[in-house]
Amino acid sequence: MTPIRLVLVDDQHLFRSGLAVIVEAQPDMTVVGQAADGREALDVIAATDPDVVLMDVQMSPMDGVEATRRLLQTDPRPTRPRVIMLTTFELDPHAARAIRYGAAGFLLKVSTPQFVCETIRTVHSGGNVLASQDLTAILDQSPPSEPAPPEFARLTERERKVFDGAAEGLSNAEIAGRLFLSESTVKTHIGAILRKLGLRDRVNIVVYAYEHRLRR
């Protein structure tokens, strides 16, 4: 089994070292790099090509939010790493910005080692670590931006109904039950929605719906 490759980014050496100990104790994980700020993190990530990055929100001279933006919005590779933000506050507006840029979610620094490892595995497998209500709560830290852009009009009527369900945080099974579809059909529609809107995952659907005032 190929281990999950991680880069740890935090300006507190003691916390970062403790996190490394937790990760290295797992048989399916390995730390391939560490950094103390966002600028250093970008260099380390480019050199090590990790699967997952644990990124502290507040650092200097470049914070984790800006590093996440540069990493996820300027790197065209479909295999670019997934990012989990590390924060002290449950409703952190900085974490909200990072999620808008494509971060897969956030972890509180007081999380248990078991929860940290479960979160890493979830994100590595393509999942996210925010429930819809949690995501809405942190997005409420800043107002929605603008109406839907033109590409939203490219969605078919059925895709828009699936979009509405995903924006509510419903699972594929729940959307299928609501629309009397098979789960495989819903999964196909979700893929088409992500492709047409240029989004990466379901969390991005929730963010997109919120930012463009599409939540019903």
C-alpha atoms as a PDB file:
ATOM      1  CA  MET A   1       0.000   0.000   0.000  1.00  0.00           C
ATOM      2  CA  THR A   2       1.365   3.381  -1.003  1.00  0.00           C
ATOM      3  CA  PRO A   3       1.277   5.710   2.019  1.00  0.00           C
ATOM      4  CA  ILE A   4      -0.460   9.078   1.952  1.00  0.00           C
ATOM      5  CA  ARG A   5       2.238  11.711   1.432  1.00  0.00           C
ATOM      6  CA  LEU A   6       1.842  14.796   3.612  1.00  0.00           C
ATOM      7  CA  VAL A   7       3.376  18.225   3.986  1.00  0.00           C
ATOM      8  CA  LEU A   8       2.882  19.941   7.358  1.00  0.00           C
ATOM      9  CA  VAL A   9       2.826  23.744   7.462  1.00  0.00           C
ATOM     10  CA  ASP A  10       2.769  25.613  10.777  1.00  0.00           C
ATOM     11  CA  ASP A  11       4.926  28.344  12.301  1.00  0.00           C
ATOM     12  CA  GLN A  12       4.882  26.700  15.726  1.00  0.00           C
ATOM     13  CA  HIS A  13       7.701  24.170  15.626  1.00  0.00           C
ATOM     14  CA  LEU A  14       6.484  22.256  18.682  1.00  0.00           C
ATOM     15  CA  PHE A  15       2.959  21.814  17.274  1.00  0.00           C
ATOM     16  CA  ARG A  16       4.307  20.829  13.855  1.00  0.00           C
ATOM     17  CA  SER A  17       6.668  18.278  15.391  1.00  0.00           C
ATOM     18  CA  GLY A  18       3.852  16.767  17.436  1.00  0.00           C
ATOM     19  CA  LEU A  19       1.705  16.511  14.340  1.00  0.00           C
ATOM     20  CA  ALA A  20       4.548  14.775  12.514  1.00  0.00           C
ATOM     21  CA  VAL A  21       4.826  12.204  15.301  1.00  0.00           C
ATOM     22  CA  ILE A  22       1.098  11.462  15.048  1.00  0.00           C
ATOM     23  CA  VAL A  23       1.208  11.096  11.276  1.00  0.00           C
ATOM     24  CA  GLU A  24       4.368   8.978  11.148  1.00  0.00           C
ATOM     25  CA  ALA A  25       2.836   6.563  13.659  1.00  0.00           C
ATOM     26  CA  GLN A  26       0.211   5.619  11.062  1.00  0.00           C
ATOM     27  CA  PRO A  27       1.087   2.711   8.745  1.00  0.00           C
ATOM     28  CA  ASP A  28      -0.606   4.416   5.777  1.00  0.00           C
ATOM     29  CA  MET A  29       0.911   7.910   6.120  1.00  0.00           C
ATOM     30  CA  THR A  30       4.285   9.580   5.782  1.00  0.00           C
ATOM     31  CA  VAL A  31       5.539  13.151   6.152  1.00  0.00           C
ATOM     32  CA  VAL A  32       7.506  14.197   3.065  1.00  0.00           C
ATOM     33  CA  GLY A  33       8.064  17.835   4.013  1.00  0.00           C
ATOM     34  CA  GLN A  34       7.529  20.588   6.549  1.00  0.00           C
ATOM     35  CA  ALA A  35       7.386  24.375   6.362  1.00  0.00           C
ATOM     36  CA  ALA A  36       7.022  27.304   8.758  1.00  0.00           C
ATOM     37  CA  ASP A  37       5.149  29.763   6.518  1.00  0.00           C
ATOM     38  CA  GLY A  38       3.172  29.918   3.294  1.00  0.00           C
ATOM     39  CA  ARG A  39       6.026  30.986   1.050  1.00  0.00           C
ATOM     40  CA  GLU A  40       8.263  28.176   2.262  1.00  0.00           C
ATOM     41  CA  ALA A  41       5.307  25.795   1.959  1.00  0.00           C
ATOM     42  CA  LEU A  42       4.914  26.480  -1.764  1.00  0.00           C
ATOM     43  CA  ASP A  43       8.574  25.607  -2.349  1.00  0.00           C
ATOM     44  CA  VAL A  44       8.343  22.432  -0.248  1.00  0.00           C
ATOM     45  CA  ILE A  45       5.121  21.339  -1.962  1.00  0.00           C
ATOM     46  CA  ALA A  46       6.645  21.891  -5.402  1.00  0.00           C
ATOM     47  CA  ALA A  47       9.673  19.804  -4.407  1.00  0.00           C
ATOM     48  CA  THR A  48       7.832  16.922  -2.728  1.00  0.00           C
ATOM     49  CA  ASP A  49       4.488  16.636  -4.604  1.00  0.00           C
ATOM     50  CA  PRO A  50       2.405  15.553  -1.568  1.00  0.00           C
ATOM     51  CA  ASP A  51      -1.109  14.131  -1.599  1.00  0.00           C
ATOM     52  CA  VAL A  52      -2.390  16.216   1.318  1.00  0.00           C
ATOM     53  CA  VAL A  53      -1.215  19.450   2.945  1.00  0.00           C
ATOM     54  CA  LEU A  54      -2.067  20.428   6.512  1.00  0.00           C
ATOM     55  CA  MET A  55      -1.857  24.236   6.371  1.00  0.00           C
ATOM     56  CA  ASP A  56      -1.947  26.627   9.315  1.00  0.00           C
ATOM     57  CA  VAL A  57      -4.193  29.634   8.680  1.00  0.00           C
ATOM     58  CA  GLN A  58      -2.200  32.412  10.314  1.00  0.00           C
ATOM     59  CA  MET A  59       1.536  32.647   9.583  1.00  0.00           C
ATOM     60  CA  SER A  60       4.024  35.302   8.542  1.00  0.00           C
ATOM     61  CA  PRO A  61       5.264  36.597   6.124  1.00  0.00           C
ATOM     62  CA  MET A  62       2.792  34.630   3.929  1.00  0.00           C
ATOM     63  CA  ASP A  63      -0.245  33.151   5.652  1.00  0.00           C
ATOM     64  CA  GLY A  64      -1.873  29.848   4.853  1.00  0.00           C
ATOM     65  CA  VAL A  65      -4.829  31.435   3.084  1.00  0.00           C
ATOM     66  CA  GLU A  66      -2.667  33.133   0.464  1.00  0.00           C
ATOM     67  CA  ALA A  67      -0.537  30.021   0.067  1.00  0.00           C
ATOM     68  CA  THR A  68      -3.705  27.979  -0.490  1.00  0.00           C
ATOM     69  CA  ARG A  69      -4.956  30.456  -3.069  1.00  0.00           C
ATOM     70  CA  ARG A  70      -1.688  30.316  -4.988  1.00  0.00           C
ATOM     71  CA  LEU A  71      -1.514  26.548  -4.753  1.00  0.00           C
ATOM     72  CA  LEU A  72      -5.078  25.721  -5.766  1.00  0.00           C
ATOM     73  CA  GLN A  73      -5.974  28.556  -8.112  1.00  0.00           C
ATOM     74  CA  THR A  74      -2.771  28.821 -10.117  1.00  0.00           C
ATOM     75  CA  ASP A  75      -1.711  25.162 -10.322  1.00  0.00           C
ATOM     76  CA  PRO A  76      -3.480  23.640 -13.368  1.00  0.00           C
ATOM     77  CA  ARG A  77      -2.633  20.036 -12.512  1.00  0.00           C
ATOM     78  CA  PRO A  78      -5.624  17.819 -11.672  1.00  0.00           C
ATOM     79  CA  THR A  79      -3.348  15.988  -9.225  1.00  0.00           C
ATOM     80  CA  ARG A  80      -2.470  19.043  -7.134  1.00  0.00           C
ATOM     81  CA  PRO A  81      -2.637  18.243  -3.412  1.00  0.00           C
ATOM     82  CA  ARG A  82      -5.720  18.598  -1.270  1.00  0.00           C
ATOM     83  CA  VAL A  83      -5.463  21.127   1.536  1.00  0.00           C
ATOM     84  CA  ILE A  84      -6.783  20.944   5.090  1.00  0.00           C
ATOM     85  CA  MET A  85      -6.601  24.208   7.026  1.00  0.00           C
ATOM     86  CA  LEU A  86      -5.445  24.218  10.652  1.00  0.00           C
ATOM     87  CA  THR A  87      -7.138  26.794  12.868  1.00  0.00           C
ATOM     88  CA  THR A  88      -7.689  27.658  16.503  1.00  0.00           C
ATOM     89  CA  PHE A  89     -11.205  29.011  16.038  1.00  0.00           C
ATOM     90  CA  GLU A  90     -14.282  27.014  15.036  1.00  0.00           C
ATOM     91  CA  LEU A  91     -15.792  29.849  12.971  1.00  0.00           C
ATOM     92  CA  ASP A  92     -12.665  31.338  11.448  1.00  0.00           C
ATOM     93  CA  PRO A  93     -13.236  33.874   8.629  1.00  0.00           C
ATOM     94  CA  HIS A  94      -9.715  33.180   7.378  1.00  0.00           C
ATOM     95  CA  ALA A  95     -10.571  29.493   7.020  1.00  0.00           C
ATOM     96  CA  ALA A  96     -13.713  30.537   5.152  1.00  0.00           C
ATOM     97  CA  ARG A  97     -11.580  32.373   2.594  1.00  0.00           C
ATOM     98  CA  ALA A  98      -9.340  29.341   2.156  1.00  0.00           C
ATOM     99  CA  ILE A  99     -12.357  27.129   1.539  1.00  0.00           C
ATOM    100  CA  ARG A 100     -13.530  29.573  -1.121  1.00  0.00           C
ATOM    101  CA  TYR A 101     -10.129  29.057  -2.760  1.00  0.00           C
ATOM    102  CA  GLY A 102     -10.606  25.286  -2.783  1.00  0.00           C
ATOM    103  CA  ALA A 103      -9.429  23.915   0.584  1.00  0.00           C
ATOM    104  CA  ALA A 104     -11.172  20.648   1.459  1.00  0.00           C
ATOM    105  CA  GLY A 105     -12.055  21.800   4.976  1.00  0.00           C
ATOM    106  CA  PHE A 106     -10.445  22.666   8.275  1.00  0.00           C
ATOM    107  CA  LEU A 107      -9.262  21.046  11.481  1.00  0.00           C
ATOM    108  CA  LEU A 108      -9.232  22.617  14.906  1.00  0.00           C
ATOM    109  CA  LYS A 109      -5.812  22.423  16.506  1.00  0.00           C
ATOM    110  CA  VAL A 110      -7.414  20.819  19.573  1.00  0.00           C
ATOM    111  CA  SER A 111      -8.670  17.855  17.508  1.00  0.00           C
ATOM    112  CA  THR A 112      -7.770  14.389  18.756  1.00  0.00           C
ATOM    113  CA  PRO A 113      -5.017  12.437  16.966  1.00  0.00           C
ATOM    114  CA  GLN A 114      -7.609   9.882  15.834  1.00  0.00           C
ATOM    115  CA  PHE A 115      -9.812  12.579  14.295  1.00  0.00           C
ATOM    116  CA  VAL A 116      -6.824  14.184  12.553  1.00  0.00           C
ATOM    117  CA  CYS A 117      -5.879  10.875  10.933  1.00  0.00           C
ATOM    118  CA  GLU A 118      -9.470  10.059   9.952  1.00  0.00           C
ATOM    119  CA  THR A 119      -9.762  13.504   8.369  1.00  0.00           C
ATOM    120  CA  ILE A 120      -6.565  13.024   6.366  1.00  0.00           C
ATOM    121  CA  ARG A 121      -7.836   9.687   5.037  1.00  0.00           C
ATOM    122  CA  THR A 122     -11.228  11.162   4.173  1.00  0.00           C
ATOM    123  CA  VAL A 123      -9.727  14.074   2.266  1.00  0.00           C
ATOM    124  CA  HIS A 124      -7.194  11.879   0.494  1.00  0.00           C
ATOM    125  CA  SER A 125      -9.992   9.628  -0.749  1.00  0.00           C
ATOM    126  CA  GLY A 126     -11.791  12.614  -2.256  1.00  0.00           C
ATOM    127  CA  GLY A 127     -14.091  13.519   0.611  1.00  0.00           C
ATOM    128  CA  ASN A 128     -14.468  16.756   2.527  1.00  0.00           C
ATOM    129  CA  VAL A 129     -14.449  17.541   6.231  1.00  0.00           C
ATOM    130  CA  LEU A 130     -17.253  20.068   6.487  1.00  0.00           C
ATOM    131  CA  ALA A 131     -20.949  19.420   6.844  1.00  0.00           C
ATOM    132  CA  SER A 132     -23.131  21.787   4.842  1.00  0.00           C
ATOM    133  CA  GLN A 133     -24.336  23.601   7.969  1.00  0.00           C
ATOM    134  CA  ASP A 134     -20.760  24.075   9.204  1.00  0.00           C
ATOM    135  CA  LEU A 135     -19.681  25.434   5.847  1.00  0.00           C
ATOM    136  CA  THR A 136     -22.614  27.853   5.727  1.00  0.00           C
ATOM    137  CA  ALA A 137     -21.764  29.056   9.216  1.00  0.00           C
ATOM    138  CA  ILE A 138     -18.210  29.994   8.299  1.00  0.00           C
ATOM    139  CA  LEU A 139     -19.242  31.455   4.940  1.00  0.00           C
ATOM    140  CA  ASP A 140     -21.567  33.726   6.896  1.00  0.00           C
ATOM    141  CA  GLN A 141     -18.426  35.448   8.154  1.00  0.00           C
ATOM    142  CA  SER A 142     -18.351  37.291   4.812  1.00  0.00           C
ATOM    143  CA  PRO A 143     -21.278  38.198   2.528  1.00  0.00           C
ATOM    144  CA  PRO A 144     -22.158  36.509  -0.784  1.00  0.00           C
ATOM    145  CA  SER A 145     -20.422  38.132  -3.715  1.00  0.00           C
ATOM    146  CA  GLU A 146     -22.392  38.286  -6.953  1.00  0.00           C
ATOM    147  CA  PRO A 147     -25.191  36.694  -8.999  1.00  0.00           C
ATOM    148  CA  ALA A 148     -24.580  33.481 -10.934  1.00  0.00           C
ATOM    149  CA  PRO A 149     -22.097  33.779 -13.822  1.00  0.00           C
ATOM    150  CA  PRO A 150     -23.039  32.785 -17.398  1.00  0.00           C
ATOM    151  CA  GLU A 151     -21.773  29.201 -17.142  1.00  0.00           C
ATOM    152  CA  PHE A 152     -24.538  28.383 -14.658  1.00  0.00           C
ATOM    153  CA  ALA A 153     -27.020  28.723 -17.534  1.00  0.00           C
ATOM    154  CA  ARG A 154     -25.301  25.747 -19.202  1.00  0.00           C
ATOM    155  CA  LEU A 155     -26.778  23.365 -16.616  1.00  0.00           C
ATOM    156  CA  THR A 156     -29.795  21.383 -17.752  1.00  0.00           C
ATOM    157  CA  GLU A 157     -33.015  21.496 -15.733  1.00  0.00           C
ATOM    158  CA  ARG A 158     -32.215  18.110 -14.160  1.00  0.00           C
ATOM    159  CA  GLU A 159     -28.661  19.192 -13.351  1.00  0.00           C
ATOM    160  CA  ARG A 160     -30.003  22.302 -11.633  1.00  0.00           C
ATOM    161  CA  LYS A 161     -32.208  20.156  -9.418  1.00  0.00           C
ATOM    162  CA  VAL A 162     -29.234  17.962  -8.533  1.00  0.00           C
ATOM    163  CA  PHE A 163     -27.194  21.142  -7.942  1.00  0.00           C
ATOM    164  CA  ASP A 164     -29.848  22.379  -5.491  1.00  0.00           C
ATOM    165  CA  GLY A 165     -29.637  19.140  -3.529  1.00  0.00           C
ATOM    166  CA  ALA A 166     -25.850  19.161  -3.418  1.00  0.00           C
ATOM    167  CA  ALA A 167     -25.893  22.832  -2.339  1.00  0.00           C
ATOM    168  CA  GLU A 168     -28.074  21.805   0.611  1.00  0.00           C
ATOM    169  CA  GLY A 169     -25.480  19.222   1.575  1.00  0.00           C
ATOM    170  CA  LEU A 170     -27.608  16.208   0.617  1.00  0.00           C
ATOM    171  CA  SER A 171     -25.887  12.919  -0.184  1.00  0.00           C
ATOM    172  CA  ASN A 172     -26.256  11.225  -3.571  1.00  0.00           C
ATOM    173  CA  ALA A 173     -28.740   8.804  -2.021  1.00  0.00           C
ATOM    174  CA  GLU A 174     -30.835  11.654  -0.600  1.00  0.00           C
ATOM    175  CA  ILE A 175     -30.820  13.529  -3.912  1.00  0.00           C
ATOM    176  CA  ALA A 176     -31.753  10.322  -5.729  1.00  0.00           C
ATOM    177  CA  GLY A 177     -34.694   9.784  -3.388  1.00  0.00           C
ATOM    178  CA  ARG A 178     -35.919  13.335  -3.826  1.00  0.00           C
ATOM    179  CA  LEU A 179     -35.705  13.286  -7.623  1.00  0.00           C
ATOM    180  CA  PHE A 180     -36.635   9.602  -8.151  1.00  0.00           C
ATOM    181  CA  LEU A 181     -33.282   8.848  -9.786  1.00  0.00           C
ATOM    182  CA  SER A 182     -30.658   6.163  -9.284  1.00  0.00           C
ATOM    183  CA  GLU A 183     -27.571   7.045  -7.277  1.00  0.00           C
ATOM    184  CA  SER A 184     -25.389   6.362 -10.316  1.00  0.00           C
ATOM    185  CA  THR A 185     -27.412   8.880 -12.335  1.00  0.00           C
ATOM    186  CA  VAL A 186     -26.994  11.488  -9.593  1.00  0.00           C
ATOM    187  CA  LYS A 187     -23.259  10.791  -9.521  1.00  0.00           C
ATOM    188  CA  THR A 188     -23.117  11.342 -13.292  1.00  0.00           C
ATOM    189  CA  HIS A 189     -24.982  14.634 -12.944  1.00  0.00           C
ATOM    190  CA  ILE A 190     -22.657  15.776 -10.133  1.00  0.00           C
ATOM    191  CA  GLY A 191     -19.675  15.095 -12.395  1.00  0.00           C
ATOM    192  CA  ALA A 192     -21.264  17.117 -15.197  1.00  0.00           C
ATOM    193  CA  ILE A 193     -22.021  20.005 -12.835  1.00  0.00           C
ATOM    194  CA  LEU A 194     -18.445  20.122 -11.556  1.00  0.00           C
ATOM    195  CA  ARG A 195     -17.108  20.037 -15.095  1.00  0.00           C
ATOM    196  CA  LYS A 196     -19.422  22.731 -16.473  1.00  0.00           C
ATOM    197  CA  LEU A 197     -18.877  25.091 -13.546  1.00  0.00           C
ATOM    198  CA  GLY A 198     -15.147  24.445 -13.261  1.00  0.00           C
ATOM    199  CA  LEU A 199     -15.476  23.206  -9.673  1.00  0.00           C
ATOM    200  CA  ARG A 200     -13.399  20.598  -7.922  1.00  0.00           C
ATOM    201  CA  ASP A 201     -15.728  18.884  -5.441  1.00  0.00           C
ATOM    202  CA  ARG A 202     -19.028  19.031  -3.565  1.00  0.00           C
ATOM    203  CA  VAL A 203     -17.769  21.573  -1.045  1.00  0.00           C
ATOM    204  CA  ASN A 204     -17.111  23.892  -3.966  1.00  0.00           C
ATOM    205  CA  ILE A 205     -20.745  23.430  -5.029  1.00  0.00           C
ATOM    206  CA  VAL A 206     -21.921  24.670  -1.616  1.00  0.00           C
ATOM    207  CA  VAL A 207     -19.509  27.630  -1.779  1.00  0.00           C
ATOM    208  CA  TYR A 208     -20.538  28.432  -5.357  1.00  0.00           C
ATOM    209  CA  ALA A 209     -24.238  28.348  -4.479  1.00  0.00           C
ATOM    210  CA  TYR A 210     -23.690  30.557  -1.451  1.00  0.00           C
ATOM    211  CA  GLU A 211     -21.470  33.105  -3.188  1.00  0.00           C
ATOM    212  CA  HIS A 212     -23.801  33.471  -6.165  1.00  0.00           C
ATOM    213  CA  ARG A 213     -27.028  33.557  -4.120  1.00  0.00           C
ATOM    214  CA  LEU A 214     -28.271  30.241  -5.492  1.00  0.00           C
ATOM    215  CA  ARG A 215     -29.274  28.579  -2.215  1.00  0.00           C
ATOM    216  CA  ARG A 216     -33.043  28.104  -2.029  1.00  0.00           C
END
